[in-house]
Each structure stands twice: as C-alpha cells, then as structure tokens.
Amino acid sequence: MARIPLENQLCLQGILYVLYNDVSWQLLPLELGFGSGQTCWRRPGRWHEVGVFEALSAVP
C-alpha cells in the first residue's frame, strides 16, 4: 500500500512545534496531524535537494 505524502505545510507546522516546545522528534504527537517526527525531520533535507532554501535566500 502506497503512502500519501504529507503536505509541506503540515510538515512545517510539525517542525515548528518541535522547535517551539523543545521536544525530541520522537515525541511529536501523531494526534496533532503533523505526521511523524521522522517525516518532519527528513523533509528539510528534501527541500534542500530541490532548492527551496536557495530560492528563499534569493528573494529580495
């Protein structure tokens, strides 16, 4: 069974939740709907691969 990718906005919210609440990735509650901590931990790497951060830094 193929997994449906989590929306980027939900991943970003999960990342911000972890940073704001100073919890480990493993403690990100699935009930919040942000996906697993592992998913949120991996997503910035994928964003980097496709050039998201470079594009953001190029915005004046």
PDB file of N, CA and C in Angstrom:
ATOM      1  N   MET A   1       0.842  -1.183   0.000  1.00  0.00           N
ATOM      2  CA  MET A   1       0.000   0.000   0.000  1.00  0.00           C
ATOM      3  C   MET A   1       0.885   1.243   0.000  1.00  0.00           C
ATOM      4  N   ALA A   2       0.685   2.110  -0.950  1.00  0.00           N
ATOM      5  CA  ALA A   2       1.486   3.334  -1.061  1.00  0.00           C
ATOM      6  C   ALA A   2       0.999   4.380  -0.061  1.00  0.00           C
ATOM      7  N   ARG A   3       1.956   5.093   0.478  1.00  0.00           N
ATOM      8  CA  ARG A   3       1.616   6.164   1.410  1.00  0.00           C
ATOM      9  C   ARG A   3       1.341   7.452   0.650  1.00  0.00           C
ATOM     10  N   ILE A   4       0.416   8.230   1.165  1.00  0.00           N
ATOM     11  CA  ILE A   4       0.138   9.541   0.591  1.00  0.00           C
ATOM     12  C   ILE A   4       1.093  10.527   1.259  1.00  0.00           C
ATOM     13  N   PRO A   5       1.864  11.285   0.460  1.00  0.00           N
ATOM     14  CA  PRO A   5       2.812  12.226   1.067  1.00  0.00           C
ATOM     15  C   PRO A   5       2.095  13.287   1.901  1.00  0.00           C
ATOM     16  N   LEU A   6       2.719  13.636   3.003  1.00  0.00           N
ATOM     17  CA  LEU A   6       2.181  14.666   3.880  1.00  0.00           C
ATOM     18  C   LEU A   6       2.407  16.028   3.253  1.00  0.00           C
ATOM     19  N   GLU A   7       1.442  16.909   3.362  1.00  0.00           N
ATOM     20  CA  GLU A   7       1.575  18.249   2.796  1.00  0.00           C
ATOM     21  C   GLU A   7       2.727  18.988   3.466  1.00  0.00           C
ATOM     22  N   ASN A   8       3.408  19.808   2.684  1.00  0.00           N
ATOM     23  CA  ASN A   8       4.544  20.566   3.199  1.00  0.00           C
ATOM     24  C   ASN A   8       4.159  21.482   4.362  1.00  0.00           C
ATOM     25  N   GLN A   9       2.977  22.073   4.282  1.00  0.00           N
ATOM     26  CA  GLN A   9       2.533  22.982   5.349  1.00  0.00           C
ATOM     27  C   GLN A   9       2.419  22.239   6.680  1.00  0.00           C
ATOM     28  N   LEU A  10       1.887  21.033   6.659  1.00  0.00           N
ATOM     29  CA  LEU A  10       1.762  20.251   7.889  1.00  0.00           C
ATOM     30  C   LEU A  10       3.134  19.867   8.432  1.00  0.00           C
ATOM     31  N   CYS A  11       4.056  19.536   7.533  1.00  0.00           N
ATOM     32  CA  CYS A  11       5.423  19.220   7.969  1.00  0.00           C
ATOM     33  C   CYS A  11       6.066  20.435   8.617  1.00  0.00           C
ATOM     34  N   LEU A  12       5.903  21.588   8.001  1.00  0.00           N
ATOM     35  CA  LEU A  12       6.475  22.810   8.564  1.00  0.00           C
ATOM     36  C   LEU A  12       5.879  23.091   9.940  1.00  0.00           C
ATOM     37  N   GLN A  13       4.591  22.887  10.097  1.00  0.00           N
ATOM     38  CA  GLN A  13       3.957  23.081  11.400  1.00  0.00           C
ATOM     39  C   GLN A  13       4.516  22.102  12.425  1.00  0.00           C
ATOM     40  N   GLY A  14       4.766  20.866  12.010  1.00  0.00           N
ATOM     41  CA  GLY A  14       5.364  19.886  12.908  1.00  0.00           C
ATOM     42  C   GLY A  14       6.764  20.284  13.323  1.00  0.00           C
ATOM     43  N   ILE A  15       7.550  20.780  12.376  1.00  0.00           N
ATOM     44  CA  ILE A  15       8.906  21.245  12.676  1.00  0.00           C
ATOM     45  C   ILE A  15       8.862  22.394  13.669  1.00  0.00           C
ATOM     46  N   LEU A  16       7.974  23.348  13.434  1.00  0.00           N
ATOM     47  CA  LEU A  16       7.852  24.491  14.339  1.00  0.00           C
ATOM     48  C   LEU A  16       7.373  24.057  15.721  1.00  0.00           C
ATOM     49  N   TYR A  17       6.494  23.064  15.771  1.00  0.00           N
ATOM     50  CA  TYR A  17       6.025  22.545  17.057  1.00  0.00           C
ATOM     51  C   TYR A  17       7.196  21.963  17.850  1.00  0.00           C
ATOM     52  N   VAL A  18       8.016  21.165  17.192  1.00  0.00           N
ATOM     53  CA  VAL A  18       9.170  20.544  17.856  1.00  0.00           C
ATOM     54  C   VAL A  18      10.130  21.617  18.359  1.00  0.00           C
ATOM     55  N   LEU A  19      10.410  22.613  17.522  1.00  0.00           N
ATOM     56  CA  LEU A  19      11.345  23.668  17.919  1.00  0.00           C
ATOM     57  C   LEU A  19      10.779  24.541  19.040  1.00  0.00           C
ATOM     58  N   TYR A  20       9.515  24.924  18.924  1.00  0.00           N
ATOM     59  CA  TYR A  20       8.904  25.811  19.911  1.00  0.00           C
ATOM     60  C   TYR A  20       8.758  25.135  21.273  1.00  0.00           C
ATOM     61  N   ASN A  21       8.364  23.868  21.255  1.00  0.00           N
ATOM     62  CA  ASN A  21       8.115  23.154  22.510  1.00  0.00           C
ATOM     63  C   ASN A  21       9.340  22.407  23.027  1.00  0.00           C
ATOM     64  N   ASP A  22      10.432  22.485  22.286  1.00  0.00           N
ATOM     65  CA  ASP A  22      11.698  21.874  22.692  1.00  0.00           C
ATOM     66  C   ASP A  22      11.523  20.403  23.069  1.00  0.00           C
ATOM     67  N   VAL A  23      10.875  19.665  22.152  1.00  0.00           N
ATOM     68  CA  VAL A  23      10.705  18.221  22.347  1.00  0.00           C
ATOM     69  C   VAL A  23      11.520  17.496  21.275  1.00  0.00           C
ATOM     70  N   SER A  24      11.808  16.243  21.505  1.00  0.00           N
ATOM     71  CA  SER A  24      12.540  15.475  20.500  1.00  0.00           C
ATOM     72  C   SER A  24      11.590  15.091  19.368  1.00  0.00           C
ATOM     73  N   TRP A  25      12.182  14.765  18.237  1.00  0.00           N
ATOM     74  CA  TRP A  25      11.375  14.385  17.074  1.00  0.00           C
ATOM     75  C   TRP A  25      10.496  13.183  17.385  1.00  0.00           C
ATOM     76  N   GLN A  26      10.992  12.260  18.189  1.00  0.00           N
ATOM     77  CA  GLN A  26      10.232  11.054  18.521  1.00  0.00           C
ATOM     78  C   GLN A  26       8.993  11.362  19.358  1.00  0.00           C
ATOM     79  N   LEU A  27       8.973  12.513  20.017  1.00  0.00           N
ATOM     80  CA  LEU A  27       7.849  12.857  20.883  1.00  0.00           C
ATOM     81  C   LEU A  27       6.802  13.739  20.198  1.00  0.00           C
ATOM     82  N   LEU A  28       6.938  13.948  18.898  1.00  0.00           N
ATOM     83  CA  LEU A  28       5.925  14.721  18.170  1.00  0.00           C
ATOM     84  C   LEU A  28       4.633  13.906  18.144  1.00  0.00           C
ATOM     85  N   PRO A  29       3.568  14.408  18.774  1.00  0.00           N
ATOM     86  CA  PRO A  29       2.318  13.630  18.847  1.00  0.00           C
ATOM     87  C   PRO A  29       1.655  13.457  17.479  1.00  0.00           C
ATOM     88  N   LEU A  30       1.382  12.218  17.113  1.00  0.00           N
ATOM     89  CA  LEU A  30       0.701  11.942  15.848  1.00  0.00           C
ATOM     90  C   LEU A  30      -0.707  12.522  15.832  1.00  0.00           C
ATOM     91  N   GLU A  31      -1.303  12.668  17.009  1.00  0.00           N
ATOM     92  CA  GLU A  31      -2.670  13.160  17.109  1.00  0.00           C
ATOM     93  C   GLU A  31      -2.816  14.584  16.581  1.00  0.00           C
ATOM     94  N   LEU A  32      -1.731  15.333  16.518  1.00  0.00           N
ATOM     95  CA  LEU A  32      -1.792  16.712  16.038  1.00  0.00           C
ATOM     96  C   LEU A  32      -1.927  16.792  14.524  1.00  0.00           C
ATOM     97  N   GLY A  33      -1.623  15.691  13.824  1.00  0.00           N
ATOM     98  CA  GLY A  33      -1.790  15.659  12.381  1.00  0.00           C
ATOM     99  C   GLY A  33      -0.615  16.190  11.587  1.00  0.00           C
ATOM    100  N   PHE A  34       0.532  16.371  12.242  1.00  0.00           N
ATOM    101  CA  PHE A  34       1.720  16.887  11.562  1.00  0.00           C
ATOM    102  C   PHE A  34       2.565  15.772  10.968  1.00  0.00           C
ATOM    103  N   GLY A  35       2.143  14.554  11.073  1.00  0.00           N
ATOM    104  CA  GLY A  35       2.934  13.422  10.623  1.00  0.00           C
ATOM    105  C   GLY A  35       3.870  12.978  11.733  1.00  0.00           C
ATOM    106  N   SER A  36       4.694  12.009  11.426  1.00  0.00           N
ATOM    107  CA  SER A  36       5.613  11.510  12.447  1.00  0.00           C
ATOM    108  C   SER A  36       6.807  12.443  12.571  1.00  0.00           C
ATOM    109  N   GLY A  37       7.496  12.331  13.673  1.00  0.00           N
ATOM    110  CA  GLY A  37       8.706  13.114  13.866  1.00  0.00           C
ATOM    111  C   GLY A  37       9.737  12.791  12.811  1.00  0.00           C
ATOM    112  N   GLN A  38       9.814  11.528  12.411  1.00  0.00           N
ATOM    113  CA  GLN A  38      10.764  11.105  11.373  1.00  0.00           C
ATOM    114  C   GLN A  38      10.461  11.799  10.051  1.00  0.00           C
ATOM    115  N   THR A  39       9.194  11.894   9.707  1.00  0.00           N
ATOM    116  CA  THR A  39       8.801  12.568   8.473  1.00  0.00           C
ATOM    117  C   THR A  39       9.190  14.033   8.512  1.00  0.00           C
ATOM    118  N   CYS A  40       8.888  14.704   9.623  1.00  0.00           N
ATOM    119  CA  CYS A  40       9.208  16.123   9.753  1.00  0.00           C
ATOM    120  C   CYS A  40      10.712  16.350   9.816  1.00  0.00           C
ATOM    121  N   TRP A  41      11.447  15.386  10.344  1.00  0.00           N
ATOM    122  CA  TRP A  41      12.899  15.500  10.431  1.00  0.00           C
ATOM    123  C   TRP A  41      13.548  15.379   9.054  1.00  0.00           C
ATOM    124  N   ARG A  42      12.980  14.516   8.194  1.00  0.00           N
ATOM    125  CA  ARG A  42      13.533  14.290   6.860  1.00  0.00           C
ATOM    126  C   ARG A  42      13.178  15.375   5.849  1.00  0.00           C
ATOM    127  N   ARG A  43      12.046  16.012   6.012  1.00  0.00           N
ATOM    128  CA  ARG A  43      11.534  16.916   4.986  1.00  0.00           C
ATOM    129  C   ARG A  43      12.469  18.079   4.659  1.00  0.00           C
ATOM    130  N   PRO A  44      13.120  18.750   5.621  1.00  0.00           N
ATOM    131  CA  PRO A  44      14.041  19.840   5.234  1.00  0.00           C
ATOM    132  C   PRO A  44      15.164  19.362   4.307  1.00  0.00           C
ATOM    133  N   GLY A  45      15.609  18.127   4.457  1.00  0.00           N
ATOM    134  CA  GLY A  45      16.618  17.587   3.549  1.00  0.00           C
ATOM    135  C   GLY A  45      16.096  17.501   2.126  1.00  0.00           C
ATOM    136  N   ARG A  46      14.859  17.108   1.996  1.00  0.00           N
ATOM    137  CA  ARG A  46      14.250  17.032   0.657  1.00  0.00           C
ATOM    138  C   ARG A  46      14.059  18.434   0.080  1.00  0.00           C
ATOM    139  N   TRP A  47      13.664  19.377   0.940  1.00  0.00           N
ATOM    140  CA  TRP A  47      13.520  20.754   0.478  1.00  0.00           C
ATOM    141  C   TRP A  47      14.863  21.290  -0.008  1.00  0.00           C
ATOM    142  N   HIS A  48      15.930  20.931   0.700  1.00  0.00           N
ATOM    143  CA  HIS A  48      17.265  21.368   0.296  1.00  0.00           C
ATOM    144  C   HIS A  48      17.641  20.779  -1.064  1.00  0.00           C
ATOM    145  N   GLU A  49      17.327  19.508  -1.278  1.00  0.00           N
ATOM    146  CA  GLU A  49      17.645  18.836  -2.544  1.00  0.00           C
ATOM    147  C   GLU A  49      16.982  19.510  -3.738  1.00  0.00           C
ATOM    148  N   VAL A  50      15.780  20.019  -3.558  1.00  0.00           N
ATOM    149  CA  VAL A  50      15.066  20.637  -4.680  1.00  0.00           C
ATOM    150  C   VAL A  50      15.278  22.149  -4.754  1.00  0.00           C
ATOM    151  N   GLY A  51      16.095  22.711  -3.846  1.00  0.00           N
ATOM    152  CA  GLY A  51      16.469  24.119  -3.945  1.00  0.00           C
ATOM    153  C   GLY A  51      15.553  25.115  -3.276  1.00  0.00           C
ATOM    154  N   VAL A  52      14.736  24.671  -2.351  1.00  0.00           N
ATOM    155  CA  VAL A  52      13.803  25.588  -1.692  1.00  0.00           C
ATOM    156  C   VAL A  52      14.536  26.683  -0.911  1.00  0.00           C
ATOM    157  N   PHE A  53      15.565  26.295  -0.159  1.00  0.00           N
ATOM    158  CA  PHE A  53      16.256  27.275   0.686  1.00  0.00           C
ATOM    159  C   PHE A  53      17.054  28.266  -0.153  1.00  0.00           C
ATOM    160  N   GLU A  54      17.618  27.810  -1.258  1.00  0.00           N
ATOM    161  CA  GLU A  54      18.332  28.711  -2.147  1.00  0.00           C
ATOM    162  C   GLU A  54      17.366  29.731  -2.757  1.00  0.00           C
ATOM    163  N   ALA A  55      16.183  29.265  -3.128  1.00  0.00           N
ATOM    164  CA  ALA A  55      15.180  30.167  -3.691  1.00  0.00           C
ATOM    165  C   ALA A  55      14.717  31.182  -2.656  1.00  0.00           C
ATOM    166  N   LEU A  56      14.575  30.745  -1.408  1.00  0.00           N
ATOM    167  CA  LEU A  56      14.159  31.689  -0.365  1.00  0.00           C
ATOM    168  C   LEU A  56      15.228  32.731  -0.081  1.00  0.00           C
ATOM    169  N   SER A  57      16.481  32.327  -0.135  1.00  0.00           N
ATOM    170  CA  SER A  57      17.558  33.281   0.151  1.00  0.00           C
ATOM    171  C   SER A  57      17.757  34.257  -1.012  1.00  0.00           C
ATOM    172  N   ALA A  58      17.258  33.922  -2.189  1.00  0.00           N
ATOM    173  CA  ALA A  58      17.386  34.817  -3.356  1.00  0.00           C
ATOM    174  C   ALA A  58      16.286  35.873  -3.402  1.00  0.00           C
ATOM    175  N   VAL A  59      15.277  35.734  -2.553  1.00  0.00           N
ATOM    176  CA  VAL A  59      14.169  36.709  -2.545  1.00  0.00           C
ATOM    177  C   VAL A  59      14.672  37.993  -1.896  1.00  0.00           C
ATOM    178  N   PRO A  60      14.499  39.145  -2.572  1.00  0.00           N
ATOM    179  CA  PRO A  60      14.996  40.414  -2.006  1.00  0.00           C
ATOM    180  C   PRO A  60      14.241  40.866  -0.786  1.00  0.00           C
TER     181      PRO A  60
END
